Amino acid sequence: MVLNLSNYKPKLLITTIGLLWVFSSWALSNFWGYGFLQGIGPTAVVMMVFSIYDRWLWKVPGFSLFNTVPNLNGTYEGEISFHFQGQDGKKAIKMKVKQTCSHIKITSHFSKPGEKDTQSMSSEAFIKTDPAGDKHLYFYYHNRGSNESGDTLDPHDGMNVLEIHENSDDIRLSGYYFTNRNPQTKGSMSVTIKNQRGI
């Protein structure tokens, strides 16, 4: 597993790694003596603990103090608004977020009456916190398009920039997107969580 350490708090991360390494080195030397495990054992313990944290513990209250990212796991629903060929339009969107502490994957399904549904999948995604403390989700995506039955959506790539709005009841993501289509298209989107997973 590749860990993205930029989502961890540096001081806590360094302190925790040091304490884990020292404790596991002491424990292994007492149980097995200064043999083969004394060299690689502490490193293996640290990696195992961080792998478990990155996959599961990061979203547990209390343990979440070690990282800087909100838990966005779940299914979201909303709509996108856009301007294309001189006309305004809207499409329904259902978005699924699958997340660990290090990585995020977003899959979006778009639908509009009279047109074939399309899907986009993120190729790169990350969360950033600005100096004011506001959090944004950024992700690049690829959409295979739908040139069937008169549909106009061709394969393209794009990027979303969504502000993360959290409260005790729900999570809402809203912002804008743009694509590399010719001519370029852009618009806005807003989705609200409907089913949160991984709590």
C-alpha atoms as a PDB file:
ATOM      1  CA  MET A   1       0.000   0.000   0.000  1.00  0.00           C
ATOM      2  CA  VAL A   2       1.274   3.464  -0.934  1.00  0.00           C
ATOM      3  CA  LEU A   3       0.558   6.005   1.813  1.00  0.00           C
ATOM      4  CA  ASN A   4      -0.024   9.681   1.038  1.00  0.00           C
ATOM      5  CA  LEU A   5       1.627  11.258   4.055  1.00  0.00           C
ATOM      6  CA  SER A   6       0.534  14.761   3.039  1.00  0.00           C
ATOM      7  CA  ASN A   7      -2.867  13.967   4.602  1.00  0.00           C
ATOM      8  CA  TYR A   8      -1.277  13.412   8.014  1.00  0.00           C
ATOM      9  CA  LYS A   9      -0.326  15.992  10.633  1.00  0.00           C
ATOM     10  CA  PRO A  10       3.505  16.138  10.454  1.00  0.00           C
ATOM     11  CA  LYS A  11       4.343  16.559  14.156  1.00  0.00           C
ATOM     12  CA  LEU A  12       1.971  13.827  15.280  1.00  0.00           C
ATOM     13  CA  LEU A  13       3.123  11.572  12.443  1.00  0.00           C
ATOM     14  CA  ILE A  14       6.831  11.865  13.291  1.00  0.00           C
ATOM     15  CA  THR A  15       6.193  11.465  17.021  1.00  0.00           C
ATOM     16  CA  THR A  16       3.968   8.423  16.484  1.00  0.00           C
ATOM     17  CA  ILE A  17       6.448   6.729  14.138  1.00  0.00           C
ATOM     18  CA  GLY A  18       9.254   7.279  16.653  1.00  0.00           C
ATOM     19  CA  LEU A  19       7.254   5.946  19.604  1.00  0.00           C
ATOM     20  CA  LEU A  20       5.992   2.934  17.647  1.00  0.00           C
ATOM     21  CA  TRP A  21       9.476   2.053  16.465  1.00  0.00           C
ATOM     22  CA  VAL A  22      11.009   2.349  19.954  1.00  0.00           C
ATOM     23  CA  PHE A  23       8.211   0.370  21.623  1.00  0.00           C
ATOM     24  CA  SER A  24       8.178  -2.404  19.023  1.00  0.00           C
ATOM     25  CA  SER A  25      11.992  -2.646  19.135  1.00  0.00           C
ATOM     26  CA  TRP A  26      11.859  -2.998  22.936  1.00  0.00           C
ATOM     27  CA  ALA A  27       9.022  -5.568  22.756  1.00  0.00           C
ATOM     28  CA  LEU A  28      10.706  -7.690  20.100  1.00  0.00           C
ATOM     29  CA  SER A  29      14.048  -7.681  21.926  1.00  0.00           C
ATOM     30  CA  ASN A  30      12.338  -8.888  25.091  1.00  0.00           C
ATOM     31  CA  PHE A  31      10.315 -11.637  23.396  1.00  0.00           C
ATOM     32  CA  TRP A  32      12.762 -12.861  20.739  1.00  0.00           C
ATOM     33  CA  GLY A  33      16.114 -11.420  21.688  1.00  0.00           C
ATOM     34  CA  TYR A  34      18.483  -9.587  19.342  1.00  0.00           C
ATOM     35  CA  GLY A  35      18.054 -11.840  16.370  1.00  0.00           C
ATOM     36  CA  PHE A  36      16.745 -11.427  12.846  1.00  0.00           C
ATOM     37  CA  LEU A  37      13.491  -9.733  13.972  1.00  0.00           C
ATOM     38  CA  GLN A  38      15.375  -7.030  15.864  1.00  0.00           C
ATOM     39  CA  GLY A  39      16.428  -5.447  12.569  1.00  0.00           C
ATOM     40  CA  ILE A  40      13.282  -5.593  10.441  1.00  0.00           C
ATOM     41  CA  GLY A  41      10.642  -6.183  13.121  1.00  0.00           C
ATOM     42  CA  PRO A  42      10.069  -2.574  14.291  1.00  0.00           C
ATOM     43  CA  THR A  43       9.824  -1.303  10.716  1.00  0.00           C
ATOM     44  CA  ALA A  44       7.310  -4.034   9.854  1.00  0.00           C
ATOM     45  CA  VAL A  45       5.218  -3.170  12.930  1.00  0.00           C
ATOM     46  CA  VAL A  46       5.172   0.531  12.041  1.00  0.00           C
ATOM     47  CA  MET A  47       4.116  -0.215   8.453  1.00  0.00           C
ATOM     48  CA  MET A  48       1.386  -2.613   9.586  1.00  0.00           C
ATOM     49  CA  VAL A  49      -0.054  -0.126  12.084  1.00  0.00           C
ATOM     50  CA  PHE A  50      -0.080   2.671   9.511  1.00  0.00           C
ATOM     51  CA  SER A  51      -1.681   0.429   6.900  1.00  0.00           C
ATOM     52  CA  ILE A  52      -4.493  -0.417   9.324  1.00  0.00           C
ATOM     53  CA  TYR A  53      -4.871   3.241  10.243  1.00  0.00           C
ATOM     54  CA  ASP A  54      -4.899   4.392   6.613  1.00  0.00           C
ATOM     55  CA  ARG A  55      -7.570   1.865   5.646  1.00  0.00           C
ATOM     56  CA  TRP A  56      -9.896   1.921   8.650  1.00  0.00           C
ATOM     57  CA  LEU A  57      -8.886   3.808  11.814  1.00  0.00           C
ATOM     58  CA  TRP A  58      -8.441   7.274  10.219  1.00  0.00           C
ATOM     59  CA  LYS A  59     -12.220   7.868  10.213  1.00  0.00           C
ATOM     60  CA  VAL A  60     -12.850   6.711  13.788  1.00  0.00           C
ATOM     61  CA  PRO A  61     -13.478   9.565  16.269  1.00  0.00           C
ATOM     62  CA  GLY A  62     -10.335  10.181  18.278  1.00  0.00           C
ATOM     63  CA  PHE A  63      -8.028   8.522  15.750  1.00  0.00           C
ATOM     64  CA  SER A  64      -9.050  11.134  13.162  1.00  0.00           C
ATOM     65  CA  LEU A  65      -6.976  13.700  15.060  1.00  0.00           C
ATOM     66  CA  PHE A  66      -3.900  12.328  13.280  1.00  0.00           C
ATOM     67  CA  ASN A  67      -5.047  13.431   9.797  1.00  0.00           C
ATOM     68  CA  THR A  68      -6.340  16.506   7.991  1.00  0.00           C
ATOM     69  CA  VAL A  69      -9.032  15.084   5.673  1.00  0.00           C
ATOM     70  CA  PRO A  70     -12.791  14.716   6.206  1.00  0.00           C
ATOM     71  CA  ASN A  71     -14.515  11.388   5.639  1.00  0.00           C
ATOM     72  CA  LEU A  72     -16.413  11.774   2.343  1.00  0.00           C
ATOM     73  CA  ASN A  73     -17.221   8.097   1.792  1.00  0.00           C
ATOM     74  CA  GLY A  74     -20.730   7.620   0.469  1.00  0.00           C
ATOM     75  CA  THR A  75     -23.242   8.202  -2.303  1.00  0.00           C
ATOM     76  CA  TYR A  76     -24.211  11.733  -3.323  1.00  0.00           C
ATOM     77  CA  GLU A  77     -27.034  13.031  -5.513  1.00  0.00           C
ATOM     78  CA  GLY A  78     -27.619  16.401  -7.159  1.00  0.00           C
ATOM     79  CA  GLU A  79     -27.297  18.095 -10.532  1.00  0.00           C
ATOM     80  CA  ILE A  80     -24.917  19.869 -12.862  1.00  0.00           C
ATOM     81  CA  SER A  81     -25.771  23.057 -14.754  1.00  0.00           C
ATOM     82  CA  PHE A  82     -24.034  23.935 -18.015  1.00  0.00           C
ATOM     83  CA  HIS A  83     -24.174  26.082 -21.158  1.00  0.00           C
ATOM     84  CA  PHE A  84     -23.746  24.303 -24.493  1.00  0.00           C
ATOM     85  CA  GLN A  85     -24.360  25.466 -28.071  1.00  0.00           C
ATOM     86  CA  GLY A  86     -26.142  28.613 -26.933  1.00  0.00           C
ATOM     87  CA  GLN A  87     -28.494  26.848 -24.530  1.00  0.00           C
ATOM     88  CA  ASP A  88     -28.557  26.267 -20.800  1.00  0.00           C
ATOM     89  CA  GLY A  89     -28.955  22.706 -19.615  1.00  0.00           C
ATOM     90  CA  LYS A  90     -29.033  20.483 -16.550  1.00  0.00           C
ATOM     91  CA  LYS A  91     -28.325  16.838 -15.797  1.00  0.00           C
ATOM     92  CA  ALA A  92     -28.911  14.713 -12.723  1.00  0.00           C
ATOM     93  CA  ILE A  93     -25.777  13.316 -11.135  1.00  0.00           C
ATOM     94  CA  LYS A  94     -25.197  10.412  -8.766  1.00  0.00           C
ATOM     95  CA  MET A  95     -21.694  10.385  -7.374  1.00  0.00           C
ATOM     96  CA  LYS A  96     -19.950   7.681  -5.347  1.00  0.00           C
ATOM     97  CA  VAL A  97     -16.879   8.438  -3.233  1.00  0.00           C
ATOM     98  CA  LYS A  98     -14.588   5.654  -2.056  1.00  0.00           C
ATOM     99  CA  GLN A  99     -11.884   6.916   0.276  1.00  0.00           C
ATOM    100  CA  THR A 100      -9.022   5.931   2.558  1.00  0.00           C
ATOM    101  CA  CYS A 101      -6.863   8.427   4.417  1.00  0.00           C
ATOM    102  CA  SER A 102      -4.388   8.450   1.509  1.00  0.00           C
ATOM    103  CA  HIS A 103      -6.556   8.057  -1.587  1.00  0.00           C
ATOM    104  CA  ILE A 104      -9.928   9.076  -3.028  1.00  0.00           C
ATOM    105  CA  LYS A 105     -11.782   7.634  -6.015  1.00  0.00           C
ATOM    106  CA  ILE A 106     -14.883   9.319  -7.468  1.00  0.00           C
ATOM    107  CA  THR A 107     -17.303   7.714  -9.899  1.00  0.00           C
ATOM    108  CA  SER A 108     -20.101   9.877 -11.341  1.00  0.00           C
ATOM    109  CA  HIS A 109     -23.211   8.848 -13.305  1.00  0.00           C
ATOM    110  CA  PHE A 110     -25.070  11.479 -15.340  1.00  0.00           C
ATOM    111  CA  SER A 111     -28.611  11.182 -16.640  1.00  0.00           C
ATOM    112  CA  LYS A 112     -31.043  13.304 -18.634  1.00  0.00           C
ATOM    113  CA  PRO A 113     -34.409  12.316 -20.154  1.00  0.00           C
ATOM    114  CA  GLY A 114     -34.037  11.396 -23.810  1.00  0.00           C
ATOM    115  CA  GLU A 115     -30.279  10.849 -23.621  1.00  0.00           C
ATOM    116  CA  LYS A 116     -28.094   7.870 -22.809  1.00  0.00           C
ATOM    117  CA  ASP A 117     -26.584   7.871 -19.327  1.00  0.00           C
ATOM    118  CA  THR A 118     -22.842   8.492 -19.108  1.00  0.00           C
ATOM    119  CA  GLN A 119     -20.191   7.848 -16.502  1.00  0.00           C
ATOM    120  CA  SER A 120     -16.963   9.519 -15.484  1.00  0.00           C
ATOM    121  CA  MET A 121     -14.214   8.206 -13.231  1.00  0.00           C
ATOM    122  CA  SER A 122     -11.530  10.153 -11.431  1.00  0.00           C
ATOM    123  CA  SER A 123      -7.917   9.639 -12.439  1.00  0.00           C
ATOM    124  CA  GLU A 124      -6.509  11.781  -9.634  1.00  0.00           C
ATOM    125  CA  ALA A 125      -8.223  13.267  -6.581  1.00  0.00           C
ATOM    126  CA  PHE A 126      -7.125  15.144  -3.476  1.00  0.00           C
ATOM    127  CA  ILE A 127      -8.398  17.425  -0.713  1.00  0.00           C
ATOM    128  CA  LYS A 128      -6.792  20.765   0.109  1.00  0.00           C
ATOM    129  CA  THR A 129      -7.412  23.188   2.964  1.00  0.00           C
ATOM    130  CA  ASP A 130      -6.934  26.881   2.186  1.00  0.00           C
ATOM    131  CA  PRO A 131      -5.481  29.464   4.626  1.00  0.00           C
ATOM    132  CA  ALA A 132      -9.018  30.337   5.806  1.00  0.00           C
ATOM    133  CA  GLY A 133      -9.639  26.714   6.793  1.00  0.00           C
ATOM    134  CA  ASP A 134     -12.089  25.908   3.982  1.00  0.00           C
ATOM    135  CA  LYS A 135     -11.703  22.447   2.447  1.00  0.00           C
ATOM    136  CA  HIS A 136     -11.998  21.682  -1.272  1.00  0.00           C
ATOM    137  CA  LEU A 137     -12.127  18.432  -3.209  1.00  0.00           C
ATOM    138  CA  TYR A 138     -10.215  18.508  -6.495  1.00  0.00           C
ATOM    139  CA  PHE A 139     -10.383  15.708  -9.029  1.00  0.00           C
ATOM    140  CA  TYR A 140      -9.453  15.057 -12.628  1.00  0.00           C
ATOM    141  CA  TYR A 141     -11.746  12.703 -14.502  1.00  0.00           C
ATOM    142  CA  HIS A 142     -12.332  10.930 -17.799  1.00  0.00           C
ATOM    143  CA  ASN A 143     -15.766  10.549 -19.394  1.00  0.00           C
ATOM    144  CA  ARG A 144     -16.154   8.096 -22.264  1.00  0.00           C
ATOM    145  CA  GLY A 145     -19.085  10.096 -23.658  1.00  0.00           C
ATOM    146  CA  SER A 146     -22.174   8.942 -25.489  1.00  0.00           C
ATOM    147  CA  ASN A 147     -22.386   9.548 -29.226  1.00  0.00           C
ATOM    148  CA  GLU A 148     -25.492   7.411 -29.642  1.00  0.00           C
ATOM    149  CA  SER A 149     -29.020   8.227 -30.808  1.00  0.00           C
ATOM    150  CA  GLY A 150     -28.219  11.854 -31.457  1.00  0.00           C
ATOM    151  CA  ASP A 151     -26.468  12.461 -28.140  1.00  0.00           C
ATOM    152  CA  THR A 152     -23.827  15.174 -28.246  1.00  0.00           C
ATOM    153  CA  LEU A 153     -21.437  14.163 -25.463  1.00  0.00           C
ATOM    154  CA  ASP A 154     -18.083  13.067 -26.871  1.00  0.00           C
ATOM    155  CA  PRO A 155     -15.257  11.428 -24.857  1.00  0.00           C
ATOM    156  CA  HIS A 156     -13.390  14.034 -22.846  1.00  0.00           C
ATOM    157  CA  ASP A 157     -11.358  14.841 -19.743  1.00  0.00           C
ATOM    158  CA  GLY A 158     -12.103  17.472 -17.158  1.00  0.00           C
ATOM    159  CA  MET A 159     -11.580  18.766 -13.656  1.00  0.00           C
ATOM    160  CA  ASN A 160     -13.885  19.500 -10.715  1.00  0.00           C
ATOM    161  CA  VAL A 161     -13.268  21.925  -7.864  1.00  0.00           C
ATOM    162  CA  LEU A 162     -15.821  21.405  -5.097  1.00  0.00           C
ATOM    163  CA  GLU A 163     -16.065  23.106  -1.720  1.00  0.00           C
ATOM    164  CA  ILE A 164     -16.816  20.721   1.147  1.00  0.00           C
ATOM    165  CA  HIS A 165     -19.691  21.835   3.387  1.00  0.00           C
ATOM    166  CA  GLU A 166     -20.002  19.705   6.532  1.00  0.00           C
ATOM    167  CA  ASN A 167     -22.476  19.901   9.385  1.00  0.00           C
ATOM    168  CA  SER A 168     -23.918  17.480  11.911  1.00  0.00           C
ATOM    169  CA  ASP A 169     -26.671  16.335   9.528  1.00  0.00           C
ATOM    170  CA  ASP A 170     -25.082  16.006   6.104  1.00  0.00           C
ATOM    171  CA  ILE A 171     -22.273  16.771   3.675  1.00  0.00           C
ATOM    172  CA  ARG A 172     -22.685  18.910   0.569  1.00  0.00           C
ATOM    173  CA  LEU A 173     -20.167  19.359  -2.248  1.00  0.00           C
ATOM    174  CA  SER A 174     -20.596  22.329  -4.554  1.00  0.00           C
ATOM    175  CA  GLY A 175     -18.466  24.145  -7.085  1.00  0.00           C
ATOM    176  CA  TYR A 176     -17.530  24.154 -10.733  1.00  0.00           C
ATOM    177  CA  TYR A 177     -16.046  22.004 -13.471  1.00  0.00           C
ATOM    178  CA  PHE A 178     -14.454  22.476 -16.872  1.00  0.00           C
ATOM    179  CA  THR A 179     -13.501  20.130 -19.695  1.00  0.00           C
ATOM    180  CA  ASN A 180     -11.079  19.873 -22.616  1.00  0.00           C
ATOM    181  CA  ARG A 181     -13.870  19.529 -25.175  1.00  0.00           C
ATOM    182  CA  ASN A 182     -13.704  21.642 -28.323  1.00  0.00           C
ATOM    183  CA  PRO A 183     -15.277  24.102 -27.833  1.00  0.00           C
ATOM    184  CA  GLN A 184     -14.548  23.943 -24.126  1.00  0.00           C
ATOM    185  CA  THR A 185     -17.504  23.361 -21.819  1.00  0.00           C
ATOM    186  CA  LYS A 186     -17.867  24.316 -18.192  1.00  0.00           C
ATOM    187  CA  GLY A 187     -20.534  24.541 -15.552  1.00  0.00           C
ATOM    188  CA  SER A 188     -21.433  24.181 -11.901  1.00  0.00           C
ATOM    189  CA  MET A 189     -22.548  21.290  -9.766  1.00  0.00           C
ATOM    190  CA  SER A 190     -23.932  20.590  -6.318  1.00  0.00           C
ATOM    191  CA  VAL A 191     -24.467  17.226  -4.635  1.00  0.00           C
ATOM    192  CA  THR A 192     -25.637  16.176  -1.166  1.00  0.00           C
ATOM    193  CA  ILE A 193     -24.784  12.932   0.582  1.00  0.00           C
ATOM    194  CA  LYS A 194     -27.603  10.382   0.662  1.00  0.00           C
ATOM    195  CA  ASN A 195     -25.893   7.307   2.068  1.00  0.00           C
ATOM    196  CA  GLN A 196     -22.709   7.608   4.072  1.00  0.00           C
ATOM    197  CA  ARG A 197     -20.474   4.576   4.386  1.00  0.00           C
ATOM    198  CA  GLY A 198     -17.492   3.755   6.500  1.00  0.00           C
ATOM    199  CA  ILE A 199     -18.499   5.588   9.664  1.00  0.00           C
END
